[in-house]
Amino acid sequence: MDLLTSGRLSGYLHEIDEQCNERLELMVEQMKVQQGITEELKAKDMMEWVGRMNEIRASVKGNVLREIVHA
């Protein structure tokens, strides 16, 4: 309530959004490396690459929300 009444809520939410996006991108890249998802796979089998990337993004998004937003 203090953030809202002081006019700082928008800035605070923007900062949290940036933290989430940075963490998301970092974790996605780390998981791509761990799982061997490469540009070669993308060129060879686009559907496999898309499916695996979607799985990673969904998993990471849940982790980021738990770590940052719901902490």
Protein backbone atom coordinates (compact mmCIF):
# COMPACT_ATOMS: atom_id res chain seq x y z
CA MET A 1 0.00 0.00 0.00
CA ASP A 2 2.92 2.29 0.80
CA LEU A 3 4.35 1.87 -2.71
CA LEU A 4 0.98 2.70 -4.23
CA THR A 5 0.33 5.80 -2.16
CA SER A 6 3.89 7.07 -2.56
CA GLY A 7 3.79 6.71 -6.36
CA ARG A 8 6.62 4.17 -6.40
CA LEU A 9 4.60 1.09 -7.30
CA SER A 10 5.12 1.37 -11.05
CA GLY A 11 8.89 1.69 -10.68
CA TYR A 12 9.02 -1.21 -8.25
CA LEU A 13 7.00 -3.45 -10.57
CA HIS A 14 9.21 -2.48 -13.51
CA GLU A 15 12.30 -3.44 -11.51
CA ILE A 16 10.80 -6.82 -10.57
CA ASP A 17 9.85 -7.42 -14.22
CA GLU A 18 13.42 -6.70 -15.33
CA GLN A 19 14.84 -9.05 -12.68
CA CYS A 20 12.47 -11.81 -13.78
CA ASN A 21 13.32 -11.41 -17.46
CA GLU A 22 17.08 -11.37 -16.81
CA ARG A 23 16.85 -14.47 -14.62
CA LEU A 24 14.61 -16.20 -17.17
CA GLU A 25 17.05 -15.64 -20.04
CA LEU A 26 20.04 -16.73 -17.94
CA MET A 27 18.36 -19.93 -16.78
CA VAL A 28 17.08 -20.77 -20.28
CA GLU A 29 20.59 -20.46 -21.68
CA GLN A 30 22.01 -22.63 -18.90
CA MET A 31 19.41 -25.33 -19.43
CA LYS A 32 19.95 -25.26 -23.20
CA VAL A 33 23.61 -26.03 -22.63
CA GLN A 34 22.86 -28.73 -20.05
CA GLN A 35 20.39 -30.45 -22.37
CA GLY A 36 22.48 -30.07 -25.52
CA ILE A 37 19.98 -27.93 -27.38
CA THR A 38 21.95 -26.27 -30.15
CA GLU A 39 21.50 -24.25 -33.30
CA GLU A 40 22.46 -27.45 -35.13
CA LEU A 41 19.40 -29.16 -33.66
CA LYS A 42 17.32 -26.15 -34.66
CA ALA A 43 18.50 -26.44 -38.25
CA LYS A 44 18.14 -30.23 -38.33
CA ASP A 45 14.77 -30.66 -36.58
CA MET A 46 12.91 -27.41 -35.96
CA MET A 47 9.89 -29.06 -34.32
CA GLU A 48 12.06 -30.95 -31.83
CA TRP A 49 13.94 -27.74 -31.01
CA VAL A 50 10.72 -25.75 -30.52
CA GLY A 51 9.22 -28.42 -28.31
CA ARG A 52 12.27 -28.67 -26.11
CA MET A 53 12.62 -24.89 -25.88
CA ASN A 54 8.96 -24.58 -24.88
CA GLU A 55 9.49 -27.16 -22.14
CA ILE A 56 12.53 -25.29 -20.85
CA ARG A 57 10.79 -21.92 -20.90
CA ALA A 58 7.74 -23.26 -19.04
CA SER A 59 9.92 -24.88 -16.40
CA VAL A 60 12.14 -21.85 -15.97
CA LYS A 61 9.20 -19.46 -15.85
CA GLY A 62 7.73 -21.41 -12.93
CA ASN A 63 11.07 -21.39 -11.11
CA VAL A 64 11.55 -17.65 -11.63
CA LEU A 65 8.06 -16.89 -10.38
CA ARG A 66 8.71 -18.95 -7.23
CA GLU A 67 12.15 -17.40 -6.65
CA ILE A 68 11.36 -13.74 -7.27
CA VAL A 69 7.65 -13.04 -7.28
CA HIS A 70 6.35 -15.43 -4.64
CA ALA A 71 9.40 -15.18 -2.37
